Protein backbone atom coordinates (compact mmCIF):
# COMPACT_ATOMS: atom_id res chain seq x y z
CA MET A 1 -100.64 36.66 72.52
CA ARG A 2 -99.46 34.49 69.43
CA ARG A 3 -96.68 32.15 70.11
CA LEU A 4 -94.12 31.28 67.65
CA PRO A 5 -93.74 27.85 66.52
CA PRO A 6 -90.60 26.02 68.03
CA LEU A 7 -89.13 25.57 64.36
CA ALA A 8 -89.27 29.36 63.70
CA ILE A 9 -87.45 30.27 66.81
CA VAL A 10 -84.53 27.91 65.88
CA LEU A 11 -84.53 29.07 62.66
CA THR A 12 -84.45 32.78 63.93
CA ALA A 13 -81.53 31.65 66.45
CA LEU A 14 -79.59 30.01 63.84
CA SER A 15 -79.73 33.05 61.42
CA LEU A 16 -78.57 35.45 63.77
CA PRO A 17 -74.62 34.58 63.64
CA LEU A 18 -75.18 34.55 59.73
CA ALA A 19 -76.37 38.13 59.80
CA ALA A 20 -73.63 39.41 62.08
CA GLN A 21 -70.97 37.74 59.71
CA SER A 22 -72.42 39.28 56.50
CA ALA A 23 -72.38 42.58 58.27
CA ALA A 24 -68.50 42.53 58.71
CA PRO A 25 -66.65 44.50 55.94
CA GLU A 26 -64.29 42.11 54.11
CA THR A 27 -60.82 43.36 53.68
CA PRO A 28 -59.15 42.28 50.39
CA PRO A 29 -56.32 39.83 50.18
CA SER A 30 -52.69 41.19 50.08
CA GLU A 31 -50.69 40.81 47.21
CA ALA A 32 -48.47 38.27 48.91
CA ARG A 33 -51.56 36.05 49.53
CA VAL A 34 -52.83 36.27 46.04
CA ALA A 35 -49.38 35.09 44.69
CA GLU A 36 -49.19 32.43 47.10
CA LEU A 37 -52.66 31.20 46.18
CA LYS A 38 -51.68 31.32 42.51
CA ARG A 39 -48.67 29.36 43.08
CA LEU A 40 -50.73 26.67 44.77
CA LEU A 41 -53.55 26.58 42.21
CA THR A 42 -51.44 26.72 39.08
CA ARG A 43 -50.37 23.36 37.64
CA ASP A 44 -46.67 22.76 37.50
CA PRO A 45 -45.77 22.43 33.80
CA ALA A 46 -42.89 20.06 34.89
CA ALA A 47 -45.06 17.51 36.82
CA THR A 48 -44.17 13.96 35.86
CA TRP A 49 -47.78 12.71 35.32
CA LEU A 50 -48.07 15.23 32.49
CA THR A 51 -45.61 13.20 30.45
CA ILE A 52 -47.43 10.13 30.59
CA PRO A 53 -49.41 9.41 27.27
CA TRP A 54 -52.58 8.86 29.10
CA GLN A 55 -55.30 6.98 26.89
CA THR A 56 -58.98 6.70 27.42
CA ASP A 57 -59.81 3.97 24.91
CA LEU A 58 -59.06 0.47 26.74
CA LEU A 59 -58.70 -1.35 23.55
CA ALA A 60 -56.37 0.91 22.01
CA ALA A 61 -54.36 0.99 25.30
CA GLN A 62 -54.14 -2.77 25.51
CA ARG A 63 -52.83 -3.03 21.87
CA SER A 64 -50.20 -0.38 22.52
CA ALA A 65 -49.11 -2.17 25.85
CA ALA A 66 -49.11 -5.58 24.00
CA GLU A 67 -46.80 -4.06 21.20
CA SER A 68 -44.36 -2.48 23.35
CA HIS A 69 -44.34 -5.55 25.73
CA ARG A 70 -45.09 -3.41 28.65
CA PRO A 71 -47.72 -3.68 31.35
CA LEU A 72 -51.21 -1.77 31.22
CA PHE A 73 -52.25 0.33 34.27
CA VAL A 74 -55.86 0.63 34.56
CA TRP A 75 -57.35 3.34 36.70
CA ALA A 76 -61.01 2.36 37.59
CA MET A 77 -63.16 3.91 40.23
CA ASP A 78 -66.59 3.58 41.43
CA GLY A 79 -68.61 6.37 43.13
CA HIS A 80 -68.09 10.07 43.67
CA PRO A 81 -64.67 11.52 42.30
CA LEU A 82 -63.95 13.23 45.39
CA GLY A 83 -64.80 10.12 47.60
CA CYS A 84 -67.96 11.57 49.19
CA THR A 85 -69.94 8.29 48.89
């Protein structure tokens, strides 16, 4: 009789719940749920941050800030944009 290697046993055991999940039929979301998700995922056109004249050119932003005697806000980051570093 041939024995299965331990890794094959573990992989088989881990795949059983996945097979059971994929066999279950999915019910479509209700119209109320779709409307709620659309509301959550759609950008608010009245959002204040959309009114800011963002600039990607640092030197142009520095000149503009100096001409208008206003401070310069620099958003700089290092790493993954979602913070997954």
